[in-house]
């Protein structure tokens, strides 16, 4: 396959049907837009899900769609009113453009925008292309101390920063994180950066727990095939949690994790749902009510999350390079998706053109 194209793009046509297509280079439409030559893109679980199923909930791939949304790149063109970036700057891409006009946007919660145009979420194309257009304020200049590979991980790190903020983690907090995939591991790292004294990583795969312990978790826990209450009791005993954890983060979306998380929390603790599983599950509502828990959702990222993520990485407080376990050429993008589907590695990057 020749890579000498104007804007070669990796496109999902249908379930497990992909192709490479040369598309028109995006034009600068708004005076505040920039054009980015995409250099690295991480493979996300949502990319795999769209490839395998053709949909995620209400979002259905009805027309060919460019995949990818965890990207970094180099500015190749700027609009007439762009002031913060110039051609040649290396940037991390925040891949969702809010309308800026709806009530959530105007109240400061643009991640909840009613008309969000998010990359690789139907009907919007993603970032696995040679060029991608964004408003300048959704491109974050990378410090000289950071690589473009690290820049591609600012998207999942932004998710983790938002989740941990939602949990209200403070110095001395005890935090339990269910799921030791990329986002769960990054939640552990952010919790540590925020000063948590106990960070317990939970998973059903020993290799992931081993990595979590080596990475940032202070301890790990593998659930037994018993009730969620029994697992919660053992977790509290093994980790000296007393009446329970201060904060629980679920980055798995698995129903048993939700149950155990509610039961392992102390009275008045905070539960944050970051992982997406089935659209409806059973829920231990009595425990949540009688313990007067703070139960919160967390969706993508908002104001300041990318900025803080870059600061945490550039100052050495979080190491995202340790999560990069594979890198493939652009023409091998589908193989990267298949590898992630098979559970190989932690974070695989697809190099740009």
C-alpha atoms as a PDB file:
ATOM      1  CA  UNK A   1       0.000   0.000   0.000  1.00  0.00           C
ATOM      2  CA  UNK A   2       1.358   3.402  -0.998  1.00  0.00           C
ATOM      3  CA  UNK A   3       1.319   5.978   1.783  1.00  0.00           C
ATOM      4  CA  UNK A   4       1.941   8.834  -0.647  1.00  0.00           C
ATOM      5  CA  UNK A   5      -1.589  10.196  -0.439  1.00  0.00           C
ATOM      6  CA  UNK A   6      -3.038  13.623   0.405  1.00  0.00           C
ATOM      7  CA  UNK A   7      -5.063  12.467   3.410  1.00  0.00           C
ATOM      8  CA  UNK A   8      -4.944   8.689   3.778  1.00  0.00           C
ATOM      9  CA  UNK A   9      -7.560   7.601   6.347  1.00  0.00           C
ATOM     10  CA  UNK A  10      -8.404   4.330   8.145  1.00  0.00           C
ATOM     11  CA  UNK A  11     -12.112   3.750   7.709  1.00  0.00           C
ATOM     12  CA  UNK A  12     -14.650   1.402   9.264  1.00  0.00           C
ATOM     13  CA  UNK A  13     -17.299   0.464   6.668  1.00  0.00           C
ATOM     14  CA  UNK A  14     -19.176  -2.133   8.690  1.00  0.00           C
ATOM     15  CA  UNK A  15     -18.670  -4.903  11.220  1.00  0.00           C
ATOM     16  CA  UNK A  16     -15.057  -6.076  10.816  1.00  0.00           C
ATOM     17  CA  UNK A  17     -14.894  -4.313   7.467  1.00  0.00           C
ATOM     18  CA  UNK A  18     -12.174  -1.675   7.161  1.00  0.00           C
ATOM     19  CA  UNK A  19     -10.309   0.016   4.342  1.00  0.00           C
ATOM     20  CA  UNK A  20      -7.774   2.758   3.643  1.00  0.00           C
ATOM     21  CA  UNK A  21      -9.078   5.655   1.607  1.00  0.00           C
ATOM     22  CA  UNK A  22      -7.557   8.907   0.433  1.00  0.00           C
ATOM     23  CA  UNK A  23      -9.919  11.669   1.521  1.00  0.00           C
ATOM     24  CA  UNK A  24      -9.781  15.428   0.952  1.00  0.00           C
ATOM     25  CA  UNK A  25      -7.530  17.346   3.338  1.00  0.00           C
ATOM     26  CA  UNK A  26      -9.782  19.207   5.826  1.00  0.00           C
ATOM     27  CA  UNK A  27      -9.956  22.929   5.143  1.00  0.00           C
ATOM     28  CA  UNK A  28      -9.609  25.692   7.700  1.00  0.00           C
ATOM     29  CA  UNK A  29     -13.216  26.852   8.038  1.00  0.00           C
ATOM     30  CA  UNK A  30     -13.247  28.902  11.230  1.00  0.00           C
ATOM     31  CA  UNK A  31     -10.572  31.536  11.847  1.00  0.00           C
ATOM     32  CA  UNK A  32      -9.723  29.744  15.113  1.00  0.00           C
ATOM     33  CA  UNK A  33      -9.222  26.306  13.524  1.00  0.00           C
ATOM     34  CA  UNK A  34      -5.908  24.518  13.132  1.00  0.00           C
ATOM     35  CA  UNK A  35      -4.911  21.601  10.910  1.00  0.00           C
ATOM     36  CA  UNK A  36      -2.925  18.828  12.607  1.00  0.00           C
ATOM     37  CA  UNK A  37      -0.710  16.232  10.950  1.00  0.00           C
ATOM     38  CA  UNK A  38      -1.582  13.271  13.192  1.00  0.00           C
ATOM     39  CA  UNK A  39       1.517  11.345  14.325  1.00  0.00           C
ATOM     40  CA  UNK A  40       0.318   8.833  16.941  1.00  0.00           C
ATOM     41  CA  UNK A  41      -3.070   7.385  17.826  1.00  0.00           C
ATOM     42  CA  UNK A  42      -3.829   5.008  20.672  1.00  0.00           C
ATOM     43  CA  UNK A  43      -6.248   2.128  20.169  1.00  0.00           C
ATOM     44  CA  UNK A  44      -9.214   2.488  22.530  1.00  0.00           C
ATOM     45  CA  UNK A  45     -11.753  -0.103  23.563  1.00  0.00           C
ATOM     46  CA  UNK A  46     -14.417   1.900  21.747  1.00  0.00           C
ATOM     47  CA  UNK A  47     -12.514   1.513  18.449  1.00  0.00           C
ATOM     48  CA  UNK A  48     -12.476  -2.238  19.012  1.00  0.00           C
ATOM     49  CA  UNK A  49     -16.169  -2.258  19.930  1.00  0.00           C
ATOM     50  CA  UNK A  50     -17.213  -0.364  16.794  1.00  0.00           C
ATOM     51  CA  UNK A  51     -15.027  -2.677  14.666  1.00  0.00           C
ATOM     52  CA  UNK A  52     -16.540  -5.790  16.259  1.00  0.00           C
ATOM     53  CA  UNK A  53     -20.178  -4.745  16.688  1.00  0.00           C
ATOM     54  CA  UNK A  54     -20.758  -1.687  14.509  1.00  0.00           C
ATOM     55  CA  UNK A  55     -22.354   0.232  17.346  1.00  0.00           C
ATOM     56  CA  UNK A  56     -22.101   1.330  20.972  1.00  0.00           C
ATOM     57  CA  UNK A  57     -25.529   1.811  22.499  1.00  0.00           C
ATOM     58  CA  UNK A  58     -27.426   4.429  20.503  1.00  0.00           C
ATOM     59  CA  UNK A  59     -24.381   5.267  18.366  1.00  0.00           C
ATOM     60  CA  UNK A  60     -24.556   3.142  15.209  1.00  0.00           C
ATOM     61  CA  UNK A  61     -22.121   3.188  12.283  1.00  0.00           C
ATOM     62  CA  UNK A  62     -24.473   3.823   9.340  1.00  0.00           C
ATOM     63  CA  UNK A  63     -21.930   5.433   6.997  1.00  0.00           C
ATOM     64  CA  UNK A  64     -18.187   4.773   6.569  1.00  0.00           C
ATOM     65  CA  UNK A  65     -16.391   6.370   9.541  1.00  0.00           C
ATOM     66  CA  UNK A  66     -12.746   7.146  10.274  1.00  0.00           C
ATOM     67  CA  UNK A  67     -11.718   5.486  13.547  1.00  0.00           C
ATOM     68  CA  UNK A  68      -9.453   6.825  16.323  1.00  0.00           C
ATOM     69  CA  UNK A  69      -9.596   9.584  18.939  1.00  0.00           C
ATOM     70  CA  UNK A  70      -6.502   9.236  21.188  1.00  0.00           C
ATOM     71  CA  UNK A  71      -4.051  11.305  19.178  1.00  0.00           C
ATOM     72  CA  UNK A  72      -1.120  13.679  19.053  1.00  0.00           C
ATOM     73  CA  UNK A  73       0.413  15.474  16.113  1.00  0.00           C
ATOM     74  CA  UNK A  74       2.126  18.511  14.628  1.00  0.00           C
ATOM     75  CA  UNK A  75       0.394  21.739  13.612  1.00  0.00           C
ATOM     76  CA  UNK A  76       0.598  22.111   9.824  1.00  0.00           C
ATOM     77  CA  UNK A  77      -1.719  25.090   9.261  1.00  0.00           C
ATOM     78  CA  UNK A  78      -3.430  27.720  11.431  1.00  0.00           C
ATOM     79  CA  UNK A  79      -6.460  29.955  10.974  1.00  0.00           C
ATOM     80  CA  UNK A  80      -6.150  33.717  10.704  1.00  0.00           C
ATOM     81  CA  UNK A  81      -7.154  34.363  14.330  1.00  0.00           C
ATOM     82  CA  UNK A  82      -5.106  31.610  16.005  1.00  0.00           C
ATOM     83  CA  UNK A  83      -2.811  33.127  18.646  1.00  0.00           C
ATOM     84  CA  UNK A  84      -1.666  30.270  20.907  1.00  0.00           C
ATOM     85  CA  UNK A  85      -0.243  27.864  18.326  1.00  0.00           C
ATOM     86  CA  UNK A  86       1.990  28.021  15.273  1.00  0.00           C
ATOM     87  CA  UNK A  87       3.014  25.703  12.467  1.00  0.00           C
ATOM     88  CA  UNK A  88       5.413  23.059  13.813  1.00  0.00           C
ATOM     89  CA  UNK A  89       4.053  22.969  17.367  1.00  0.00           C
ATOM     90  CA  UNK A  90       3.573  19.478  18.809  1.00  0.00           C
ATOM     91  CA  UNK A  91       0.136  19.011  20.364  1.00  0.00           C
ATOM     92  CA  UNK A  92      -2.195  16.579  22.109  1.00  0.00           C
ATOM     93  CA  UNK A  93      -5.678  16.514  20.595  1.00  0.00           C
ATOM     94  CA  UNK A  94      -8.845  16.766  22.656  1.00  0.00           C
ATOM     95  CA  UNK A  95     -11.160  15.094  20.147  1.00  0.00           C
ATOM     96  CA  UNK A  96     -14.604  16.425  21.065  1.00  0.00           C
ATOM     97  CA  UNK A  97     -15.995  19.747  19.852  1.00  0.00           C
ATOM     98  CA  UNK A  98     -18.920  21.069  21.939  1.00  0.00           C
ATOM     99  CA  UNK A  99     -21.507  23.479  20.567  1.00  0.00           C
ATOM    100  CA  UNK A 100     -20.528  26.113  23.190  1.00  0.00           C
ATOM    101  CA  UNK A 101     -24.168  27.312  23.256  1.00  0.00           C
ATOM    102  CA  UNK A 102     -26.257  24.770  25.185  1.00  0.00           C
ATOM    103  CA  UNK A 103     -26.907  24.942  28.930  1.00  0.00           C
ATOM    104  CA  UNK A 104     -24.224  22.358  29.889  1.00  0.00           C
ATOM    105  CA  UNK A 105     -21.636  24.211  27.781  1.00  0.00           C
ATOM    106  CA  UNK A 106     -22.545  27.604  29.203  1.00  0.00           C
ATOM    107  CA  UNK A 107     -22.504  26.242  32.751  1.00  0.00           C
ATOM    108  CA  UNK A 108     -18.937  24.985  32.317  1.00  0.00           C
ATOM    109  CA  UNK A 109     -19.670  21.296  31.747  1.00  0.00           C
ATOM    110  CA  UNK A 110     -18.969  21.118  28.037  1.00  0.00           C
ATOM    111  CA  UNK A 111     -18.301  17.363  28.250  1.00  0.00           C
ATOM    112  CA  UNK A 112     -22.067  17.007  28.674  1.00  0.00           C
ATOM    113  CA  UNK A 113     -22.817  19.066  25.562  1.00  0.00           C
ATOM    114  CA  UNK A 114     -26.097  18.097  23.950  1.00  0.00           C
ATOM    115  CA  UNK A 115     -24.622  18.416  20.451  1.00  0.00           C
ATOM    116  CA  UNK A 116     -21.060  17.219  21.047  1.00  0.00           C
ATOM    117  CA  UNK A 117     -19.198  16.312  17.846  1.00  0.00           C
ATOM    118  CA  UNK A 118     -16.845  13.621  19.147  1.00  0.00           C
ATOM    119  CA  UNK A 119     -14.221  11.932  16.995  1.00  0.00           C
ATOM    120  CA  UNK A 120     -15.022   8.354  15.914  1.00  0.00           C
ATOM    121  CA  UNK A 121     -18.496   8.511  17.426  1.00  0.00           C
ATOM    122  CA  UNK A 122     -21.088   8.216  14.635  1.00  0.00           C
ATOM    123  CA  UNK A 123     -21.643  10.229  12.538  1.00  0.00           C
ATOM    124  CA  UNK A 124     -18.327  12.029  13.145  1.00  0.00           C
ATOM    125  CA  UNK A 125     -15.004  10.911  11.690  1.00  0.00           C
ATOM    126  CA  UNK A 126     -12.051  10.171  13.948  1.00  0.00           C
ATOM    127  CA  UNK A 127      -8.363  10.997  13.962  1.00  0.00           C
ATOM    128  CA  UNK A 128      -6.818   7.988  12.184  1.00  0.00           C
ATOM    129  CA  UNK A 129      -6.011  10.091   9.155  1.00  0.00           C
ATOM    130  CA  UNK A 130      -3.021  12.050   7.940  1.00  0.00           C
ATOM    131  CA  UNK A 131      -4.743  15.334   8.811  1.00  0.00           C
ATOM    132  CA  UNK A 132      -7.388  16.336  11.354  1.00  0.00           C
ATOM    133  CA  UNK A 133      -8.990  19.738  11.998  1.00  0.00           C
ATOM    134  CA  UNK A 134      -9.729  21.123  15.477  1.00  0.00           C
ATOM    135  CA  UNK A 135     -10.314  24.498  17.149  1.00  0.00           C
ATOM    136  CA  UNK A 136      -7.043  25.820  18.596  1.00  0.00           C
ATOM    137  CA  UNK A 137      -8.305  25.649  22.191  1.00  0.00           C
ATOM    138  CA  UNK A 138      -8.763  21.879  21.869  1.00  0.00           C
ATOM    139  CA  UNK A 139      -5.110  21.380  20.950  1.00  0.00           C
ATOM    140  CA  UNK A 140      -2.642  21.389  23.837  1.00  0.00           C
ATOM    141  CA  UNK A 141       0.964  22.275  23.159  1.00  0.00           C
ATOM    142  CA  UNK A 142       3.350  19.649  24.486  1.00  0.00           C
ATOM    143  CA  UNK A 143       6.342  20.727  26.571  1.00  0.00           C
ATOM    144  CA  UNK A 144       9.779  19.879  25.189  1.00  0.00           C
ATOM    145  CA  UNK A 145      10.100  17.238  27.916  1.00  0.00           C
ATOM    146  CA  UNK A 146       7.194  15.237  26.449  1.00  0.00           C
ATOM    147  CA  UNK A 147       7.190  13.012  23.373  1.00  0.00           C
ATOM    148  CA  UNK A 148       4.435  12.740  20.785  1.00  0.00           C
ATOM    149  CA  UNK A 149       3.890   9.158  21.971  1.00  0.00           C
ATOM    150  CA  UNK A 150       3.164  10.463  25.466  1.00  0.00           C
ATOM    151  CA  UNK A 151       0.936  13.111  23.910  1.00  0.00           C
ATOM    152  CA  UNK A 152      -1.304  10.403  22.454  1.00  0.00           C
ATOM    153  CA  UNK A 153      -1.986   9.153  25.991  1.00  0.00           C
ATOM    154  CA  UNK A 154      -3.318  12.510  27.163  1.00  0.00           C
ATOM    155  CA  UNK A 155      -6.812  11.441  26.064  1.00  0.00           C
ATOM    156  CA  UNK A 156      -7.115   8.419  28.406  1.00  0.00           C
ATOM    157  CA  UNK A 157      -5.221  10.388  31.072  1.00  0.00           C
ATOM    158  CA  UNK A 158      -7.779  13.192  30.707  1.00  0.00           C
ATOM    159  CA  UNK A 159     -10.506  10.610  31.340  1.00  0.00           C
ATOM    160  CA  UNK A 160      -8.682   9.424  34.475  1.00  0.00           C
ATOM    161  CA  UNK A 161      -8.107  12.961  35.766  1.00  0.00           C
ATOM    162  CA  UNK A 162     -11.828  13.690  35.391  1.00  0.00           C
ATOM    163  CA  UNK A 163     -12.817  10.479  37.191  1.00  0.00           C
ATOM    164  CA  UNK A 164     -10.476  11.100  40.129  1.00  0.00           C
ATOM    165  CA  UNK A 165     -11.662  14.701  40.380  1.00  0.00           C
ATOM    166  CA  UNK A 166     -15.238  13.403  40.502  1.00  0.00           C
ATOM    167  CA  UNK A 167     -14.190  11.183  43.404  1.00  0.00           C
ATOM    168  CA  UNK A 168     -12.827  14.107  45.395  1.00  0.00           C
ATOM    169  CA  UNK A 169      -9.566  12.256  46.139  1.00  0.00           C
ATOM    170  CA  UNK A 170      -7.385  14.227  48.574  1.00  0.00           C
ATOM    171  CA  UNK A 171      -4.133  13.583  50.474  1.00  0.00           C
ATOM    172  CA  UNK A 172      -4.582  10.572  52.747  1.00  0.00           C
ATOM    173  CA  UNK A 173      -7.571   9.130  50.886  1.00  0.00           C
ATOM    174  CA  UNK A 174      -8.019   5.376  50.555  1.00  0.00           C
ATOM    175  CA  UNK A 175      -9.036   4.562  46.981  1.00  0.00           C
ATOM    176  CA  UNK A 176     -10.181   1.303  45.381  1.00  0.00           C
ATOM    177  CA  UNK A 177     -10.001   1.106  41.576  1.00  0.00           C
ATOM    178  CA  UNK A 178     -11.879  -1.699  39.817  1.00  0.00           C
ATOM    179  CA  UNK A 179     -10.378  -2.619  36.439  1.00  0.00           C
ATOM    180  CA  UNK A 180      -6.671  -2.495  35.602  1.00  0.00           C
ATOM    181  CA  UNK A 181      -6.908  -1.588  31.938  1.00  0.00           C
ATOM    182  CA  UNK A 182      -5.372   1.688  30.691  1.00  0.00           C
ATOM    183  CA  UNK A 183      -7.964   3.982  32.315  1.00  0.00           C
ATOM    184  CA  UNK A 184      -7.992   2.069  35.602  1.00  0.00           C
ATOM    185  CA  UNK A 185      -4.196   2.140  35.773  1.00  0.00           C
ATOM    186  CA  UNK A 186      -4.184   5.854  35.026  1.00  0.00           C
ATOM    187  CA  UNK A 187      -6.817   6.413  37.735  1.00  0.00           C
ATOM    188  CA  UNK A 188      -4.388   4.751  40.166  1.00  0.00           C
ATOM    189  CA  UNK A 189      -1.618   7.053  38.952  1.00  0.00           C
ATOM    190  CA  UNK A 190      -3.749  10.197  39.271  1.00  0.00           C
ATOM    191  CA  UNK A 191      -4.952   9.137  42.732  1.00  0.00           C
ATOM    192  CA  UNK A 192      -1.317   8.778  43.790  1.00  0.00           C
ATOM    193  CA  UNK A 193      -0.500  12.211  42.343  1.00  0.00           C
ATOM    194  CA  UNK A 194      -3.433  13.642  44.318  1.00  0.00           C
ATOM    195  CA  UNK A 195      -1.971  12.223  47.522  1.00  0.00           C
ATOM    196  CA  UNK A 196      -3.972   9.038  48.148  1.00  0.00           C
ATOM    197  CA  UNK A 197      -2.277   6.915  50.811  1.00  0.00           C
ATOM    198  CA  UNK A 198      -3.902   3.601  49.832  1.00  0.00           C
ATOM    199  CA  UNK A 199      -4.595   2.649  46.220  1.00  0.00           C
ATOM    200  CA  UNK A 200      -6.043  -0.839  45.777  1.00  0.00           C
ATOM    201  CA  UNK A 201      -6.219  -2.156  42.202  1.00  0.00           C
ATOM    202  CA  UNK A 202      -8.862  -4.826  41.530  1.00  0.00           C
ATOM    203  CA  UNK A 203      -8.953  -7.140  38.521  1.00  0.00           C
ATOM    204  CA  UNK A 204      -9.613 -10.768  37.572  1.00  0.00           C
ATOM    205  CA  UNK A 205      -6.341 -11.134  35.615  1.00  0.00           C
ATOM    206  CA  UNK A 206      -3.185 -11.698  37.646  1.00  0.00           C
ATOM    207  CA  UNK A 207      -0.887 -10.215  34.983  1.00  0.00           C
ATOM    208  CA  UNK A 208      -2.794  -6.939  35.122  1.00  0.00           C
ATOM    209  CA  UNK A 209      -2.636  -6.904  38.910  1.00  0.00           C
ATOM    210  CA  UNK A 210       1.106  -7.550  38.797  1.00  0.00           C
ATOM    211  CA  UNK A 211       1.547  -4.572  36.481  1.00  0.00           C
ATOM    212  CA  UNK A 212      -0.700  -2.366  38.613  1.00  0.00           C
ATOM    213  CA  UNK A 213       1.362  -3.136  41.721  1.00  0.00           C
ATOM    214  CA  UNK A 214       4.591  -2.371  39.885  1.00  0.00           C
ATOM    215  CA  UNK A 215       3.058   0.798  38.443  1.00  0.00           C
ATOM    216  CA  UNK A 216       1.320   2.800  41.190  1.00  0.00           C
ATOM    217  CA  UNK A 217      -1.049   0.649  43.263  1.00  0.00           C
ATOM    218  CA  UNK A 218      -0.092   0.137  46.903  1.00  0.00           C
ATOM    219  CA  UNK A 219      -1.851  -3.246  46.878  1.00  0.00           C
ATOM    220  CA  UNK A 220      -4.001  -5.456  44.666  1.00  0.00           C
ATOM    221  CA  UNK A 221      -7.084  -7.611  45.049  1.00  0.00           C
ATOM    222  CA  UNK A 222      -8.470 -10.492  42.998  1.00  0.00           C
ATOM    223  CA  UNK A 223     -12.118 -11.279  43.776  1.00  0.00           C
ATOM    224  CA  UNK A 224     -13.158 -14.793  44.709  1.00  0.00           C
ATOM    225  CA  UNK A 225     -16.244 -16.447  43.260  1.00  0.00           C
ATOM    226  CA  UNK A 226     -18.290 -15.497  46.300  1.00  0.00           C
ATOM    227  CA  UNK A 227     -20.843 -12.783  47.056  1.00  0.00           C
ATOM    228  CA  UNK A 228     -19.907  -9.135  46.615  1.00  0.00           C
ATOM    229  CA  UNK A 229     -20.372  -8.615  50.369  1.00  0.00           C
ATOM    230  CA  UNK A 230     -17.862 -11.372  51.116  1.00  0.00           C
ATOM    231  CA  UNK A 231     -15.322  -9.952  48.686  1.00  0.00           C
ATOM    232  CA  UNK A 232     -15.798  -6.501  50.226  1.00  0.00           C
ATOM    233  CA  UNK A 233     -15.219  -7.865  53.723  1.00  0.00           C
ATOM    234  CA  UNK A 234     -12.001  -9.611  52.653  1.00  0.00           C
ATOM    235  CA  UNK A 235     -10.766  -6.521  50.836  1.00  0.00           C
ATOM    236  CA  UNK A 236     -11.313  -4.369  53.912  1.00  0.00           C
ATOM    237  CA  UNK A 237      -9.562  -6.881  56.157  1.00  0.00           C
ATOM    238  CA  UNK A 238      -6.561  -7.432  53.872  1.00  0.00           C
ATOM    239  CA  UNK A 239      -6.009  -3.713  53.359  1.00  0.00           C
ATOM    240  CA  UNK A 240      -6.794  -2.429  56.847  1.00  0.00           C
ATOM    241  CA  UNK A 241      -9.601  -0.248  55.540  1.00  0.00           C
ATOM    242  CA  UNK A 242     -11.502  -0.268  58.814  1.00  0.00           C
ATOM    243  CA  UNK A 243     -15.094   0.791  58.114  1.00  0.00           C
ATOM    244  CA  UNK A 244     -14.348   0.987  54.395  1.00  0.00           C
ATOM    245  CA  UNK A 245     -12.665   2.939  51.607  1.00  0.00           C
ATOM    246  CA  UNK A 246     -13.064   6.674  51.148  1.00  0.00           C
ATOM    247  CA  UNK A 247     -13.427   6.489  47.370  1.00  0.00           C
ATOM    248  CA  UNK A 248     -14.301   3.720  44.928  1.00  0.00           C
ATOM    249  CA  UNK A 249     -13.744   4.080  41.192  1.00  0.00           C
ATOM    250  CA  UNK A 250     -15.153   1.546  38.773  1.00  0.00           C
ATOM    251  CA  UNK A 251     -13.236   1.520  35.492  1.00  0.00           C
ATOM    252  CA  UNK A 252     -14.486  -1.918  34.474  1.00  0.00           C
ATOM    253  CA  UNK A 253     -18.217  -1.607  33.870  1.00  0.00           C
ATOM    254  CA  UNK A 254     -18.647  -5.114  35.302  1.00  0.00           C
ATOM    255  CA  UNK A 255     -21.736  -5.630  37.472  1.00  0.00           C
ATOM    256  CA  UNK A 256     -19.919  -7.622  40.216  1.00  0.00           C
ATOM    257  CA  UNK A 257     -17.410  -4.770  40.519  1.00  0.00           C
ATOM    258  CA  UNK A 258     -20.211  -2.248  40.981  1.00  0.00           C
ATOM    259  CA  UNK A 259     -21.714  -4.371  43.761  1.00  0.00           C
ATOM    260  CA  UNK A 260     -18.416  -4.951  45.549  1.00  0.00           C
ATOM    261  CA  UNK A 261     -17.517  -1.278  45.212  1.00  0.00           C
ATOM    262  CA  UNK A 262     -20.700  -0.136  46.917  1.00  0.00           C
ATOM    263  CA  UNK A 263     -20.182  -2.614  49.760  1.00  0.00           C
ATOM    264  CA  UNK A 264     -16.493  -1.779  50.326  1.00  0.00           C
ATOM    265  CA  UNK A 265     -17.159   1.946  50.787  1.00  0.00           C
ATOM    266  CA  UNK A 266     -17.333   3.522  54.212  1.00  0.00           C
ATOM    267  CA  UNK A 267     -20.442   5.367  55.353  1.00  0.00           C
ATOM    268  CA  UNK A 268     -20.572   8.666  53.487  1.00  0.00           C
ATOM    269  CA  UNK A 269     -17.995   7.500  50.939  1.00  0.00           C
ATOM    270  CA  UNK A 270     -17.921   8.377  47.243  1.00  0.00           C
ATOM    271  CA  UNK A 271     -18.539   5.994  44.358  1.00  0.00           C
ATOM    272  CA  UNK A 272     -17.615   7.008  40.784  1.00  0.00           C
ATOM    273  CA  UNK A 273     -18.769   5.060  37.728  1.00  0.00           C
ATOM    274  CA  UNK A 274     -16.217   5.547  34.966  1.00  0.00           C
ATOM    275  CA  UNK A 275     -16.442   2.224  33.126  1.00  0.00           C
ATOM    276  CA  UNK A 276     -19.249   1.486  30.700  1.00  0.00           C
ATOM    277  CA  UNK A 277     -20.756  -1.980  30.738  1.00  0.00           C
ATOM    278  CA  UNK A 278     -24.290  -3.107  30.040  1.00  0.00           C
ATOM    279  CA  UNK A 279     -26.833  -0.314  29.789  1.00  0.00           C
ATOM    280  CA  UNK A 280     -28.821  -1.699  32.752  1.00  0.00           C
ATOM    281  CA  UNK A 281     -27.691  -3.716  35.783  1.00  0.00           C
ATOM    282  CA  UNK A 282     -28.968  -4.620  39.244  1.00  0.00           C
ATOM    283  CA  UNK A 283     -27.738  -2.205  41.896  1.00  0.00           C
ATOM    284  CA  UNK A 284     -27.368  -2.518  45.702  1.00  0.00           C
ATOM    285  CA  UNK A 285     -29.565   0.503  46.308  1.00  0.00           C
ATOM    286  CA  UNK A 286     -30.218  -0.278  49.987  1.00  0.00           C
ATOM    287  CA  UNK A 287     -26.512  -0.142  50.840  1.00  0.00           C
ATOM    288  CA  UNK A 288     -26.067   3.044  48.821  1.00  0.00           C
ATOM    289  CA  UNK A 289     -28.991   4.638  50.634  1.00  0.00           C
ATOM    290  CA  UNK A 290     -28.329   3.551  54.210  1.00  0.00           C
ATOM    291  CA  UNK A 291     -24.621   4.440  53.959  1.00  0.00           C
ATOM    292  CA  UNK A 292     -25.604   7.802  52.418  1.00  0.00           C
ATOM    293  CA  UNK A 293     -23.060   7.344  49.636  1.00  0.00           C
ATOM    294  CA  UNK A 294     -22.183   9.953  47.056  1.00  0.00           C
ATOM    295  CA  UNK A 295     -22.777   8.136  43.760  1.00  0.00           C
ATOM    296  CA  UNK A 296     -21.467   9.902  40.666  1.00  0.00           C
ATOM    297  CA  UNK A 297     -21.025   9.291  36.982  1.00  0.00           C
ATOM    298  CA  UNK A 298     -18.007  10.417  34.991  1.00  0.00           C
ATOM    299  CA  UNK A 299     -18.020  11.111  31.255  1.00  0.00           C
ATOM    300  CA  UNK A 300     -14.956  11.964  29.185  1.00  0.00           C
ATOM    301  CA  UNK A 301     -13.182  15.138  30.395  1.00  0.00           C
ATOM    302  CA  UNK A 302     -13.866  18.794  31.053  1.00  0.00           C
ATOM    303  CA  UNK A 303     -12.206  22.122  31.631  1.00  0.00           C
ATOM    304  CA  UNK A 304      -8.643  21.814  32.928  1.00  0.00           C
ATOM    305  CA  UNK A 305      -8.397  18.020  32.709  1.00  0.00           C
ATOM    306  CA  UNK A 306      -6.016  17.869  29.724  1.00  0.00           C
ATOM    307  CA  UNK A 307      -3.970  20.764  31.082  1.00  0.00           C
ATOM    308  CA  UNK A 308      -3.516  19.041  34.436  1.00  0.00           C
ATOM    309  CA  UNK A 309      -2.707  15.723  32.760  1.00  0.00           C
ATOM    310  CA  UNK A 310       0.074  17.305  30.714  1.00  0.00           C
ATOM    311  CA  UNK A 311       1.450  19.019  33.821  1.00  0.00           C
ATOM    312  CA  UNK A 312       1.467  15.750  35.793  1.00  0.00           C
ATOM    313  CA  UNK A 313       3.369  13.971  33.012  1.00  0.00           C
ATOM    314  CA  UNK A 314       5.781  16.782  32.149  1.00  0.00           C
ATOM    315  CA  UNK A 315       6.776  17.184  35.819  1.00  0.00           C
ATOM    316  CA  UNK A 316       7.379  13.454  36.251  1.00  0.00           C
ATOM    317  CA  UNK A 317       4.514  12.794  38.655  1.00  0.00           C
ATOM    318  CA  UNK A 318       2.867  10.355  36.251  1.00  0.00           C
ATOM    319  CA  UNK A 319       4.639   8.000  33.857  1.00  0.00           C
ATOM    320  CA  UNK A 320       2.493   7.200  30.814  1.00  0.00           C
ATOM    321  CA  UNK A 321       5.338   5.726  28.758  1.00  0.00           C
ATOM    322  CA  UNK A 322       5.181   2.604  30.925  1.00  0.00           C
ATOM    323  CA  UNK A 323       1.728   1.849  29.507  1.00  0.00           C
ATOM    324  CA  UNK A 324       2.868   1.858  25.872  1.00  0.00           C
ATOM    325  CA  UNK A 325       3.452  -1.803  25.075  1.00  0.00           C
ATOM    326  CA  UNK A 326       3.207  -1.740  21.286  1.00  0.00           C
ATOM    327  CA  UNK A 327       3.549   0.496  18.243  1.00  0.00           C
ATOM    328  CA  UNK A 328       2.532  -0.376  14.684  1.00  0.00           C
ATOM    329  CA  UNK A 329       2.740   1.316  11.305  1.00  0.00           C
ATOM    330  CA  UNK A 330      -0.318   3.066   9.908  1.00  0.00           C
ATOM    331  CA  UNK A 331      -0.898   0.332   7.338  1.00  0.00           C
ATOM    332  CA  UNK A 332      -1.138  -2.227  10.179  1.00  0.00           C
ATOM    333  CA  UNK A 333      -3.979  -0.405  11.979  1.00  0.00           C
ATOM    334  CA  UNK A 334      -6.408  -3.315  11.759  1.00  0.00           C
ATOM    335  CA  UNK A 335      -3.836  -5.693  13.259  1.00  0.00           C
ATOM    336  CA  UNK A 336      -3.485  -3.298  16.189  1.00  0.00           C
ATOM    337  CA  UNK A 337      -7.253  -3.427  16.759  1.00  0.00           C
ATOM    338  CA  UNK A 338      -7.191  -7.224  16.639  1.00  0.00           C
ATOM    339  CA  UNK A 339      -4.319  -7.346  19.140  1.00  0.00           C
ATOM    340  CA  UNK A 340      -6.196  -5.101  21.578  1.00  0.00           C
ATOM    341  CA  UNK A 341      -9.287  -7.264  21.131  1.00  0.00           C
ATOM    342  CA  UNK A 342      -7.170 -10.302  22.134  1.00  0.00           C
ATOM    343  CA  UNK A 343      -5.925  -8.488  25.236  1.00  0.00           C
ATOM    344  CA  UNK A 344      -2.337  -8.119  24.082  1.00  0.00           C
ATOM    345  CA  UNK A 345      -0.387  -5.443  25.937  1.00  0.00           C
ATOM    346  CA  UNK A 346      -1.786  -2.370  27.663  1.00  0.00           C
ATOM    347  CA  UNK A 347      -1.743   0.491  25.182  1.00  0.00           C
ATOM    348  CA  UNK A 348      -0.955   0.082  21.491  1.00  0.00           C
ATOM    349  CA  UNK A 349      -0.122   3.116  19.343  1.00  0.00           C
ATOM    350  CA  UNK A 350      -0.644   3.458  15.607  1.00  0.00           C
ATOM    351  CA  UNK A 351       1.988   5.665  13.985  1.00  0.00           C
ATOM    352  CA  UNK A 352       0.830   8.367  11.597  1.00  0.00           C
ATOM    353  CA  UNK A 353       2.020   9.337   8.153  1.00  0.00           C
END
